[in-house]
PDB file of N, CA and C in Angstrom:
ATOM      1  N   UNK A   1      -8.958  10.132 -10.118  1.00  0.00           N
ATOM      2  CA  UNK A   1      -8.473   9.136  -9.165  1.00  0.00           C
ATOM      3  C   UNK A   1      -9.652   8.654  -8.324  1.00  0.00           C
ATOM      4  N   UNK A   2      -9.679   7.383  -8.033  1.00  0.00           N
ATOM      5  CA  UNK A   2     -10.747   6.786  -7.245  1.00  0.00           C
ATOM      6  C   UNK A   2     -10.408   6.932  -5.756  1.00  0.00           C
ATOM      7  N   UNK A   3     -11.011   7.944  -5.113  1.00  0.00           N
ATOM      8  CA  UNK A   3     -10.695   8.233  -3.714  1.00  0.00           C
ATOM      9  C   UNK A   3     -11.078   7.096  -2.768  1.00  0.00           C
ATOM     10  N   UNK A   4     -12.203   6.424  -3.044  1.00  0.00           N
ATOM     11  CA  UNK A   4     -12.623   5.318  -2.173  1.00  0.00           C
ATOM     12  C   UNK A   4     -11.624   4.168  -2.237  1.00  0.00           C
ATOM     13  N   UNK A   5     -11.178   3.832  -3.424  1.00  0.00           N
ATOM     14  CA  UNK A   5     -10.199   2.748  -3.577  1.00  0.00           C
ATOM     15  C   UNK A   5      -8.885   3.125  -2.906  1.00  0.00           C
ATOM     16  N   UNK A   6      -8.457   4.369  -3.083  1.00  0.00           N
ATOM     17  CA  UNK A   6      -7.223   4.829  -2.443  1.00  0.00           C
ATOM     18  C   UNK A   6      -7.347   4.751  -0.924  1.00  0.00           C
ATOM     19  N   UNK A   7      -8.474   5.133  -0.386  1.00  0.00           N
ATOM     20  CA  UNK A   7      -8.699   5.068   1.064  1.00  0.00           C
ATOM     21  C   UNK A   7      -8.642   3.624   1.566  1.00  0.00           C
ATOM     22  N   UNK A   8      -9.252   2.698   0.818  1.00  0.00           N
ATOM     23  CA  UNK A   8      -9.200   1.284   1.215  1.00  0.00           C
ATOM     24  C   UNK A   8      -7.763   0.759   1.206  1.00  0.00           C
ATOM     25  N   UNK A   9      -7.004   1.148   0.192  1.00  0.00           N
ATOM     26  CA  UNK A   9      -5.608   0.699   0.100  1.00  0.00           C
ATOM     27  C   UNK A   9      -4.789   1.248   1.259  1.00  0.00           C
ATOM     28  N   UNK A  10      -4.918   2.555   1.518  1.00  0.00           N
ATOM     29  CA  UNK A  10      -4.146   3.165   2.606  1.00  0.00           C
ATOM     30  C   UNK A  10      -4.542   2.591   3.962  1.00  0.00           C
ATOM     31  N   UNK A  11      -5.831   2.314   4.138  1.00  0.00           N
ATOM     32  CA  UNK A  11      -6.284   1.681   5.388  1.00  0.00           C
ATOM     33  C   UNK A  11      -5.668   0.290   5.514  1.00  0.00           C
ATOM     34  N   UNK A  12      -5.678  -0.443   4.425  1.00  0.00           N
ATOM     35  CA  UNK A  12      -5.161  -1.818   4.458  1.00  0.00           C
ATOM     36  C   UNK A  12      -3.684  -1.848   4.793  1.00  0.00           C
ATOM     37  N   UNK A  13      -2.899  -0.993   4.165  1.00  0.00           N
ATOM     38  CA  UNK A  13      -1.452  -1.025   4.402  1.00  0.00           C
ATOM     39  C   UNK A  13      -1.037  -0.179   5.601  1.00  0.00           C
ATOM     40  N   UNK A  14      -2.010   0.444   6.258  1.00  0.00           N
ATOM     41  CA  UNK A  14      -1.725   1.231   7.451  1.00  0.00           C
ATOM     42  C   UNK A  14      -1.483   0.376   8.681  1.00  0.00           C
ATOM     43  N   UNK A  15      -1.737  -0.901   8.571  1.00  0.00           N
ATOM     44  CA  UNK A  15      -1.562  -1.825   9.692  1.00  0.00           C
ATOM     45  C   UNK A  15      -0.304  -2.667   9.473  1.00  0.00           C
ATOM     46  N   UNK A  16       0.521  -2.762  10.501  1.00  0.00           N
ATOM     47  CA  UNK A  16       1.789  -3.492  10.413  1.00  0.00           C
ATOM     48  C   UNK A  16       1.593  -4.952  10.016  1.00  0.00           C
ATOM     49  N   UNK A  17       0.634  -5.623  10.605  1.00  0.00           N
ATOM     50  CA  UNK A  17       0.410  -7.038  10.299  1.00  0.00           C
ATOM     51  C   UNK A  17       0.018  -7.215   8.839  1.00  0.00           C
ATOM     52  N   UNK A  18      -0.839  -6.344   8.338  1.00  0.00           N
ATOM     53  CA  UNK A  18      -1.250  -6.466   6.932  1.00  0.00           C
ATOM     54  C   UNK A  18      -0.080  -6.188   5.987  1.00  0.00           C
ATOM     55  N   UNK A  19       0.780  -5.231   6.345  1.00  0.00           N
ATOM     56  CA  UNK A  19       1.971  -5.000   5.523  1.00  0.00           C
ATOM     57  C   UNK A  19       2.883  -6.220   5.549  1.00  0.00           C
ATOM     58  N   UNK A  20       3.001  -6.862   6.702  1.00  0.00           N
ATOM     59  CA  UNK A  20       3.830  -8.066   6.807  1.00  0.00           C
ATOM     60  C   UNK A  20       3.236  -9.209   5.985  1.00  0.00           C
ATOM     61  N   UNK A  21       1.928  -9.350   6.007  1.00  0.00           N
ATOM     62  CA  UNK A  21       1.267 -10.387   5.195  1.00  0.00           C
ATOM     63  C   UNK A  21       1.539 -10.131   3.721  1.00  0.00           C
ATOM     64  N   UNK A  22       1.344  -8.909   3.293  1.00  0.00           N
ATOM     65  CA  UNK A  22       1.561  -8.561   1.892  1.00  0.00           C
ATOM     66  C   UNK A  22       3.025  -8.783   1.489  1.00  0.00           C
ATOM     67  N   UNK A  23       3.936  -8.387   2.342  1.00  0.00           N
ATOM     68  CA  UNK A  23       5.371  -8.582   2.068  1.00  0.00           C
ATOM     69  C   UNK A  23       5.695 -10.058   1.948  1.00  0.00           C
ATOM     70  N   UNK A  24       5.180 -10.859   2.848  1.00  0.00           N
ATOM     71  CA  UNK A  24       5.425 -12.308   2.817  1.00  0.00           C
ATOM     72  C   UNK A  24       4.904 -12.910   1.508  1.00  0.00           C
ATOM     73  N   UNK A  25       3.719 -12.488   1.085  1.00  0.00           N
ATOM     74  CA  UNK A  25       3.140 -13.011  -0.155  1.00  0.00           C
ATOM     75  C   UNK A  25       3.964 -12.600  -1.379  1.00  0.00           C
ATOM     76  N   UNK A  26       4.476 -11.376  -1.365  1.00  0.00           N
ATOM     77  CA  UNK A  26       5.310 -10.919  -2.484  1.00  0.00           C
ATOM     78  C   UNK A  26       6.614 -11.716  -2.511  1.00  0.00           C
ATOM     79  N   UNK A  27       7.188 -11.951  -1.342  1.00  0.00           N
ATOM     80  CA  UNK A  27       8.466 -12.667  -1.266  1.00  0.00           C
ATOM     81  C   UNK A  27       8.335 -14.142  -1.603  1.00  0.00           C
ATOM     82  N   UNK A  28       7.273 -14.783  -1.137  1.00  0.00           N
ATOM     83  CA  UNK A  28       7.168 -16.234  -1.227  1.00  0.00           C
ATOM     84  C   UNK A  28       6.135 -16.730  -2.229  1.00  0.00           C
ATOM     85  N   UNK A  29       5.311 -15.854  -2.748  1.00  0.00           N
ATOM     86  CA  UNK A  29       4.274 -16.271  -3.684  1.00  0.00           C
ATOM     87  C   UNK A  29       3.019 -16.721  -2.948  1.00  0.00           C
ATOM     88  N   UNK A  30       2.100 -17.289  -3.696  1.00  0.00           N
ATOM     89  CA  UNK A  30       0.815 -17.714  -3.140  1.00  0.00           C
ATOM     90  C   UNK A  30       1.024 -18.685  -1.983  1.00  0.00           C
ATOM     91  N   UNK A  31       0.199 -18.523  -0.960  1.00  0.00           N
ATOM     92  CA  UNK A  31       0.293 -19.378   0.225  1.00  0.00           C
ATOM     93  C   UNK A  31      -1.099 -19.757   0.707  1.00  0.00           C
ATOM     94  N   UNK A  32      -1.181 -20.934   1.332  1.00  0.00           N
ATOM     95  CA  UNK A  32      -2.425 -21.309   2.011  1.00  0.00           C
ATOM     96  C   UNK A  32      -2.599 -20.384   3.211  1.00  0.00           C
ATOM     97  N   UNK A  33      -3.827 -20.100   3.543  1.00  0.00           N
ATOM     98  CA  UNK A  33      -4.110 -19.225   4.681  1.00  0.00           C
ATOM     99  C   UNK A  33      -3.483 -19.793   5.949  1.00  0.00           C
ATOM    100  N   UNK A  34      -3.582 -21.093   6.136  1.00  0.00           N
ATOM    101  CA  UNK A  34      -3.027 -21.700   7.348  1.00  0.00           C
ATOM    102  C   UNK A  34      -1.501 -21.573   7.395  1.00  0.00           C
ATOM    103  N   UNK A  35      -0.842 -21.705   6.249  1.00  0.00           N
ATOM    104  CA  UNK A  35       0.619 -21.549   6.209  1.00  0.00           C
ATOM    105  C   UNK A  35       1.010 -20.106   6.491  1.00  0.00           C
ATOM    106  N   UNK A  36       0.251 -19.178   5.965  1.00  0.00           N
ATOM    107  CA  UNK A  36       0.503 -17.762   6.193  1.00  0.00           C
ATOM    108  C   UNK A  36       0.302 -17.410   7.664  1.00  0.00           C
ATOM    109  N   UNK A  37      -0.735 -17.958   8.255  1.00  0.00           N
ATOM    110  CA  UNK A  37      -1.039 -17.673   9.660  1.00  0.00           C
ATOM    111  C   UNK A  37       0.052 -18.183  10.603  1.00  0.00           C
ATOM    112  N   UNK A  38       0.773 -19.199  10.188  1.00  0.00           N
ATOM    113  CA  UNK A  38       1.831 -19.775  11.037  1.00  0.00           C
ATOM    114  C   UNK A  38       2.944 -18.766  11.322  1.00  0.00           C
ATOM    115  N   UNK A  39       3.086 -17.743  10.500  1.00  0.00           N
ATOM    116  CA  UNK A  39       4.128 -16.732  10.696  1.00  0.00           C
ATOM    117  C   UNK A  39       3.756 -15.691  11.749  1.00  0.00           C
ATOM    118  N   UNK A  40       2.525 -15.716  12.213  1.00  0.00           N
ATOM    119  CA  UNK A  40       2.054 -14.666  13.105  1.00  0.00           C
ATOM    120  C   UNK A  40       1.595 -15.245  14.439  1.00  0.00           C
ATOM    121  N   UNK A  41       1.826 -14.477  15.480  1.00  0.00           N
ATOM    122  CA  UNK A  41       1.442 -14.891  16.825  1.00  0.00           C
ATOM    123  C   UNK A  41       0.018 -14.419  17.109  1.00  0.00           C
ATOM    124  N   UNK A  42      -0.923 -14.976  16.337  1.00  0.00           N
ATOM    125  CA  UNK A  42      -2.335 -14.655  16.519  1.00  0.00           C
ATOM    126  C   UNK A  42      -3.149 -15.809  15.956  1.00  0.00           C
ATOM    127  N   UNK A  43      -4.410 -15.784  16.223  1.00  0.00           N
ATOM    128  CA  UNK A  43      -5.271 -16.882  15.779  1.00  0.00           C
ATOM    129  C   UNK A  43      -5.457 -16.866  14.263  1.00  0.00           C
ATOM    130  N   UNK A  44      -5.842 -18.002  13.735  1.00  0.00           N
ATOM    131  CA  UNK A  44      -6.149 -18.116  12.315  1.00  0.00           C
ATOM    132  C   UNK A  44      -7.274 -17.151  11.947  1.00  0.00           C
ATOM    133  N   UNK A  45      -8.244 -17.020  12.829  1.00  0.00           N
ATOM    134  CA  UNK A  45      -9.365 -16.111  12.600  1.00  0.00           C
ATOM    135  C   UNK A  45      -8.879 -14.660  12.478  1.00  0.00           C
ATOM    136  N   UNK A  46      -7.945 -14.265  13.328  1.00  0.00           N
ATOM    137  CA  UNK A  46      -7.414 -12.895  13.278  1.00  0.00           C
ATOM    138  C   UNK A  46      -6.672 -12.649  11.969  1.00  0.00           C
ATOM    139  N   UNK A  47      -5.853 -13.618  11.551  1.00  0.00           N
ATOM    140  CA  UNK A  47      -5.135 -13.485  10.280  1.00  0.00           C
ATOM    141  C   UNK A  47      -6.137 -13.417   9.133  1.00  0.00           C
ATOM    142  N   UNK A  48      -7.178 -14.224   9.189  1.00  0.00           N
ATOM    143  CA  UNK A  48      -8.215 -14.206   8.152  1.00  0.00           C
ATOM    144  C   UNK A  48      -8.882 -12.841   8.043  1.00  0.00           C
ATOM    145  N   UNK A  49      -9.086 -12.180   9.167  1.00  0.00           N
ATOM    146  CA  UNK A  49      -9.684 -10.840   9.150  1.00  0.00           C
ATOM    147  C   UNK A  49      -8.755  -9.843   8.469  1.00  0.00           C
ATOM    148  N   UNK A  50      -7.451  -9.959   8.731  1.00  0.00           N
ATOM    149  CA  UNK A  50      -6.479  -9.087   8.065  1.00  0.00           C
ATOM    150  C   UNK A  50      -6.483  -9.349   6.558  1.00  0.00           C
ATOM    151  N   UNK A  51      -6.540 -10.607   6.188  1.00  0.00           N
ATOM    152  CA  UNK A  51      -6.573 -10.969   4.765  1.00  0.00           C
ATOM    153  C   UNK A  51      -7.824 -10.384   4.109  1.00  0.00           C
ATOM    154  N   UNK A  52      -8.936 -10.415   4.809  1.00  0.00           N
ATOM    155  CA  UNK A  52     -10.194  -9.877   4.277  1.00  0.00           C
ATOM    156  C   UNK A  52     -10.052  -8.384   3.960  1.00  0.00           C
ATOM    157  N   UNK A  53      -9.392  -7.635   4.828  1.00  0.00           N
ATOM    158  CA  UNK A  53      -9.179  -6.203   4.586  1.00  0.00           C
ATOM    159  C   UNK A  53      -8.306  -6.011   3.338  1.00  0.00           C
ATOM    160  N   UNK A  54      -7.265  -6.835   3.220  1.00  0.00           N
ATOM    161  CA  UNK A  54      -6.403  -6.764   2.031  1.00  0.00           C
ATOM    162  C   UNK A  54      -7.180  -7.127   0.765  1.00  0.00           C
ATOM    163  N   UNK A  55      -8.075  -8.108   0.876  1.00  0.00           N
ATOM    164  CA  UNK A  55      -8.924  -8.487  -0.267  1.00  0.00           C
ATOM    165  C   UNK A  55      -9.842  -7.333  -0.665  1.00  0.00           C
ATOM    166  N   UNK A  56     -10.451  -6.690   0.311  1.00  0.00           N
ATOM    167  CA  UNK A  56     -11.372  -5.583   0.033  1.00  0.00           C
ATOM    168  C   UNK A  56     -10.649  -4.419  -0.648  1.00  0.00           C
ATOM    169  N   UNK A  57      -9.355  -4.281  -0.367  1.00  0.00           N
ATOM    170  CA  UNK A  57      -8.556  -3.238  -1.007  1.00  0.00           C
ATOM    171  C   UNK A  57      -8.032  -3.690  -2.367  1.00  0.00           C
ATOM    172  N   UNK A  58      -8.239  -4.955  -2.689  1.00  0.00           N
ATOM    173  CA  UNK A  58      -7.766  -5.488  -3.965  1.00  0.00           C
ATOM    174  C   UNK A  58      -6.292  -5.837  -3.971  1.00  0.00           C
ATOM    175  N   UNK A  59      -5.674  -5.877  -2.793  1.00  0.00           N
ATOM    176  CA  UNK A  59      -4.233  -6.127  -2.702  1.00  0.00           C
ATOM    177  C   UNK A  59      -3.871  -7.604  -2.669  1.00  0.00           C
ATOM    178  N   UNK A  60      -4.852  -8.447  -2.409  1.00  0.00           N
ATOM    179  CA  UNK A  60      -4.633  -9.893  -2.475  1.00  0.00           C
ATOM    180  C   UNK A  60      -5.838 -10.528  -3.159  1.00  0.00           C
ATOM    181  N   UNK A  61      -5.594 -11.692  -3.732  1.00  0.00           N
ATOM    182  CA  UNK A  61      -6.677 -12.474  -4.317  1.00  0.00           C
ATOM    183  C   UNK A  61      -6.689 -13.837  -3.641  1.00  0.00           C
ATOM    184  N   UNK A  62      -7.843 -14.463  -3.672  1.00  0.00           N
ATOM    185  CA  UNK A  62      -8.026 -15.768  -3.041  1.00  0.00           C
ATOM    186  C   UNK A  62      -8.460 -16.768  -4.102  1.00  0.00           C
ATOM    187  N   UNK A  63      -7.815 -17.914  -4.082  1.00  0.00           N
ATOM    188  CA  UNK A  63      -8.218 -19.014  -4.952  1.00  0.00           C
ATOM    189  C   UNK A  63      -8.541 -20.196  -4.042  1.00  0.00           C
ATOM    190  N   UNK A  64      -9.718 -20.743  -4.205  1.00  0.00           N
ATOM    191  CA  UNK A  64     -10.138 -21.872  -3.394  1.00  0.00           C
ATOM    192  C   UNK A  64     -10.026 -23.147  -4.216  1.00  0.00           C
ATOM    193  N   UNK A  65      -9.270 -24.090  -3.676  1.00  0.00           N
ATOM    194  CA  UNK A  65      -9.123 -25.406  -4.308  1.00  0.00           C
ATOM    195  C   UNK A  65      -9.530 -26.426  -3.244  1.00  0.00           C
ATOM    196  N   UNK A  66     -10.707 -26.998  -3.442  1.00  0.00           N
ATOM    197  CA  UNK A  66     -11.241 -27.893  -2.417  1.00  0.00           C
ATOM    198  C   UNK A  66     -11.508 -27.095  -1.154  1.00  0.00           C
ATOM    199  N   UNK A  67     -10.911 -27.534  -0.063  1.00  0.00           N
ATOM    200  CA  UNK A  67     -11.087 -26.823   1.214  1.00  0.00           C
ATOM    201  C   UNK A  67      -9.948 -25.840   1.490  1.00  0.00           C
ATOM    202  N   UNK A  68      -8.958 -25.843   0.626  1.00  0.00           N
ATOM    203  CA  UNK A  68      -7.797 -24.972   0.814  1.00  0.00           C
ATOM    204  C   UNK A  68      -8.020 -23.610   0.153  1.00  0.00           C
ATOM    205  N   UNK A  69      -7.604 -22.562   0.857  1.00  0.00           N
ATOM    206  CA  UNK A  69      -7.682 -21.203   0.343  1.00  0.00           C
ATOM    207  C   UNK A  69      -6.258 -20.703   0.146  1.00  0.00           C
ATOM    208  N   UNK A  70      -5.930 -20.328  -1.090  1.00  0.00           N
ATOM    209  CA  UNK A  70      -4.611 -19.810  -1.413  1.00  0.00           C
ATOM    210  C   UNK A  70      -4.721 -18.303  -1.636  1.00  0.00           C
ATOM    211  N   UNK A  71      -3.805 -17.577  -1.012  1.00  0.00           N
ATOM    212  CA  UNK A  71      -3.803 -16.118  -1.082  1.00  0.00           C
ATOM    213  C   UNK A  71      -2.580 -15.687  -1.885  1.00  0.00           C
ATOM    214  N   UNK A  72      -2.801 -14.762  -2.818  1.00  0.00           N
ATOM    215  CA  UNK A  72      -1.721 -14.218  -3.651  1.00  0.00           C
ATOM    216  C   UNK A  72      -1.736 -12.702  -3.572  1.00  0.00           C
ATOM    217  N   UNK A  73      -0.567 -12.100  -3.691  1.00  0.00           N
ATOM    218  CA  UNK A  73      -0.469 -10.641  -3.735  1.00  0.00           C
ATOM    219  C   UNK A  73      -0.950 -10.146  -5.093  1.00  0.00           C
ATOM    220  N   UNK A  74      -1.623  -9.022  -5.084  1.00  0.00           N
ATOM    221  CA  UNK A  74      -2.086  -8.362  -6.311  1.00  0.00           C
ATOM    222  C   UNK A  74      -1.720  -6.891  -6.169  1.00  0.00           C
ATOM    223  N   UNK A  75      -0.576  -6.526  -6.698  1.00  0.00           N
ATOM    224  CA  UNK A  75      -0.029  -5.201  -6.429  1.00  0.00           C
ATOM    225  C   UNK A  75      -0.493  -4.102  -7.384  1.00  0.00           C
ATOM    226  N   UNK A  76      -1.268  -4.442  -8.389  1.00  0.00           N
ATOM    227  CA  UNK A  76      -1.752  -3.443  -9.349  1.00  0.00           C
ATOM    228  C   UNK A  76      -2.453  -2.256  -8.665  1.00  0.00           C
ATOM    229  N   UNK A  77      -3.287  -2.485  -7.649  1.00  0.00           N
ATOM    230  CA  UNK A  77      -3.957  -1.342  -7.007  1.00  0.00           C
ATOM    231  C   UNK A  77      -2.988  -0.328  -6.384  1.00  0.00           C
ATOM    232  N   UNK A  78      -1.763  -0.738  -6.108  1.00  0.00           N
ATOM    233  CA  UNK A  78      -0.807   0.196  -5.523  1.00  0.00           C
ATOM    234  C   UNK A  78      -0.450   1.330  -6.482  1.00  0.00           C
ATOM    235  N   UNK A  79      -0.784   1.155  -7.764  1.00  0.00           N
ATOM    236  CA  UNK A  79      -0.546   2.243  -8.721  1.00  0.00           C
ATOM    237  C   UNK A  79      -1.333   3.495  -8.332  1.00  0.00           C
ATOM    238  N   UNK A  80      -2.476   3.311  -7.681  1.00  0.00           N
ATOM    239  CA  UNK A  80      -3.234   4.475  -7.198  1.00  0.00           C
ATOM    240  C   UNK A  80      -2.424   5.268  -6.187  1.00  0.00           C
ATOM    241  N   UNK A  81      -1.739   4.565  -5.294  1.00  0.00           N
ATOM    242  CA  UNK A  81      -0.927   5.275  -4.295  1.00  0.00           C
ATOM    243  C   UNK A  81       0.284   5.926  -4.960  1.00  0.00           C
ATOM    244  N   UNK A  82       0.866   5.245  -5.939  1.00  0.00           N
ATOM    245  CA  UNK A  82       1.991   5.841  -6.671  1.00  0.00           C
ATOM    246  C   UNK A  82       1.557   7.134  -7.343  1.00  0.00           C
ATOM    247  N   UNK A  83       0.388   7.115  -7.968  1.00  0.00           N
ATOM    248  CA  UNK A  83      -0.131   8.303  -8.646  1.00  0.00           C
ATOM    249  C   UNK A  83      -0.369   9.425  -7.645  1.00  0.00           C
ATOM    250  N   UNK A  84      -0.997   9.088  -6.528  1.00  0.00           N
ATOM    251  CA  UNK A  84      -1.306  10.095  -5.519  1.00  0.00           C
ATOM    252  C   UNK A  84      -0.031  10.698  -4.938  1.00  0.00           C
ATOM    253  N   UNK A  85       0.934   9.838  -4.568  1.00  0.00           N
ATOM    254  CA  UNK A  85       2.197  10.352  -4.034  1.00  0.00           C
ATOM    255  C   UNK A  85       2.946  11.156  -5.099  1.00  0.00           C
ATOM    256  N   UNK A  86       2.850  10.738  -6.351  1.00  0.00           N
ATOM    257  CA  UNK A  86       3.472  11.491  -7.436  1.00  0.00           C
ATOM    258  C   UNK A  86       2.893  12.886  -7.562  1.00  0.00           C
ATOM    259  N   UNK A  87       1.577  12.997  -7.404  1.00  0.00           N
ATOM    260  CA  UNK A  87       0.928  14.309  -7.457  1.00  0.00           C
ATOM    261  C   UNK A  87       1.390  15.179  -6.289  1.00  0.00           C
ATOM    262  N   UNK A  88       1.486  14.582  -5.108  1.00  0.00           N
ATOM    263  CA  UNK A  88       1.968  15.340  -3.953  1.00  0.00           C
ATOM    264  C   UNK A  88       3.394  15.822  -4.175  1.00  0.00           C
ATOM    265  N   UNK A  89       4.216  14.943  -4.723  1.00  0.00           N
ATOM    266  CA  UNK A  89       5.611  15.300  -4.982  1.00  0.00           C
ATOM    267  C   UNK A  89       5.686  16.448  -5.980  1.00  0.00           C
ATOM    268  N   UNK A  90       4.871  16.402  -7.012  1.00  0.00           N
ATOM    269  CA  UNK A  90       4.865  17.478  -8.015  1.00  0.00           C
ATOM    270  C   UNK A  90       4.497  18.814  -7.385  1.00  0.00           C
ATOM    271  N   UNK A  91       3.513  18.797  -6.512  1.00  0.00           N
ATOM    272  CA  UNK A  91       3.099  20.031  -5.828  1.00  0.00           C
ATOM    273  C   UNK A  91       4.240  20.576  -4.990  1.00  0.00           C
ATOM    274  N   UNK A  92       4.884  19.690  -4.234  1.00  0.00           N
ATOM    275  CA  UNK A  92       6.005  20.130  -3.392  1.00  0.00           C
ATOM    276  C   UNK A  92       7.177  20.612  -4.233  1.00  0.00           C
ATOM    277  N   UNK A  93       7.450  19.953  -5.339  1.00  0.00           N
ATOM    278  CA  UNK A  93       8.530  20.399  -6.222  1.00  0.00           C
ATOM    279  C   UNK A  93       8.264  21.820  -6.715  1.00  0.00           C
ATOM    280  N   UNK A  94       7.017  22.088  -7.120  1.00  0.00           N
ATOM    281  CA  UNK A  94       6.665  23.430  -7.580  1.00  0.00           C
ATOM    282  C   UNK A  94       6.808  24.455  -6.465  1.00  0.00           C
ATOM    283  N   UNK A  95       6.383  24.091  -5.275  1.00  0.00           N
ATOM    284  CA  UNK A  95       6.479  25.026  -4.140  1.00  0.00           C
ATOM    285  C   UNK A  95       7.929  25.291  -3.771  1.00  0.00           C
ATOM    286  N   UNK A  96       8.755  24.251  -3.828  1.00  0.00           N
ATOM    287  CA  UNK A  96      10.176  24.437  -3.512  1.00  0.00           C
ATOM    288  C   UNK A  96      10.873  25.293  -4.566  1.00  0.00           C
ATOM    289  N   UNK A  97      10.503  25.105  -5.831  1.00  0.00           N
ATOM    290  CA  UNK A  97      11.092  25.940  -6.890  1.00  0.00           C
ATOM    291  C   UNK A  97      10.683  27.399  -6.706  1.00  0.00           C
ATOM    292  N   UNK A  98       9.421  27.634  -6.331  1.00  0.00           N
ATOM    293  CA  UNK A  98       8.955  28.998  -6.100  1.00  0.00           C
ATOM    294  C   UNK A  98       9.692  29.615  -4.916  1.00  0.00           C
ATOM    295  N   UNK A  99       9.915  28.845  -3.875  1.00  0.00           N
ATOM    296  CA  UNK A  99      10.655  29.334  -2.712  1.00  0.00           C
ATOM    297  C   UNK A  99      12.091  29.651  -3.101  1.00  0.00           C
ATOM    298  N   UNK A 100      12.690  28.793  -3.886  1.00  0.00           N
ATOM    299  CA  UNK A 100      14.055  29.036  -4.343  1.00  0.00           C
ATOM    300  C   UNK A 100      14.131  30.327  -5.154  1.00  0.00           C
ATOM    301  N   UNK A 101      13.153  30.552  -6.021  1.00  0.00           N
ATOM    302  CA  UNK A 101      13.126  31.788  -6.814  1.00  0.00           C
ATOM    303  C   UNK A 101      13.063  33.013  -5.912  1.00  0.00           C
ATOM    304  N   UNK A 102      12.244  32.956  -4.869  1.00  0.00           N
ATOM    305  CA  UNK A 102      12.125  34.078  -3.931  1.00  0.00           C
ATOM    306  C   UNK A 102      13.450  34.296  -3.210  1.00  0.00           C
ATOM    307  N   UNK A 103      14.069  33.232  -2.742  1.00  0.00           N
ATOM    308  CA  UNK A 103      15.331  33.360  -2.012  1.00  0.00           C
ATOM    309  C   UNK A 103      16.449  33.892  -2.902  1.00  0.00           C
ATOM    310  N   UNK A 104      16.509  33.413  -4.128  1.00  0.00           N
ATOM    311  CA  UNK A 104      17.540  33.873  -5.057  1.00  0.00           C
ATOM    312  C   UNK A 104      17.338  35.347  -5.381  1.00  0.00           C
ATOM    313  N   UNK A 105      16.094  35.761  -5.581  1.00  0.00           N
ATOM    314  CA  UNK A 105      15.826  37.161  -5.920  1.00  0.00           C
ATOM    315  C   UNK A 105      16.162  38.084  -4.754  1.00  0.00           C
ATOM    316  N   UNK A 106      16.056  37.616  -3.528  1.00  0.00           N
ATOM    317  CA  UNK A 106      16.395  38.442  -2.369  1.00  0.00           C
ATOM    318  C   UNK A 106      17.910  38.540  -2.182  1.00  0.00           C
ATOM    319  N   UNK A 107      18.642  37.566  -2.690  1.00  0.00           N
ATOM    320  CA  UNK A 107      20.098  37.578  -2.567  1.00  0.00           C
ATOM    321  C   UNK A 107      20.740  38.531  -3.566  1.00  0.00           C
ATOM    322  N   UNK A 108      20.075  38.770  -4.697  1.00  0.00           N
ATOM    323  CA  UNK A 108      20.614  39.647  -5.720  1.00  0.00           C
ATOM    324  C   UNK A 108      20.520  41.100  -5.251  1.00  0.00           C
ATOM    325  N   UNK A 109      21.567  41.856  -5.509  1.00  0.00           N
ATOM    326  CA  UNK A 109      21.487  43.291  -5.145  1.00  0.00           C
ATOM    327  C   UNK A 109      20.410  43.985  -5.991  1.00  0.00           C
ATOM    328  N   UNK A 110      19.789  44.975  -5.381  1.00  0.00           N
ATOM    329  CA  UNK A 110      18.752  45.718  -6.098  1.00  0.00           C
ATOM    330  C   UNK A 110      19.364  46.418  -7.303  1.00  0.00           C
ATOM    331  N   UNK A 111      18.688  46.325  -8.379  1.00  0.00           N
ATOM    332  CA  UNK A 111      19.190  46.935  -9.617  1.00  0.00           C
ATOM    333  C   UNK A 111      18.468  48.216  -9.889  1.00  0.00           C
TER     334      UNK A 111
END
């Protein structure tokens, strides 16, 4: 697993505004930066900085047509988080099964 990429993704989605930007892009499709910024109570520059973090994590792509910049969601990198959370879940499942085995064995009368 690429730990640096996972860290960039988790950092990017760790911010509420960036999660809202990503959600909006998934719901509505590609948008101009200015149209996307209209949904937020902050400057265009601030929204652009959030988009840059999402770009660095690979969660959005930018297409420039003339002077317009269109931003699209790119959710493929989220597979890294799915894999990581899946590994955590597997570890916890094993630990819970081991705990259950201990509890069940203590409930049985000594033979």
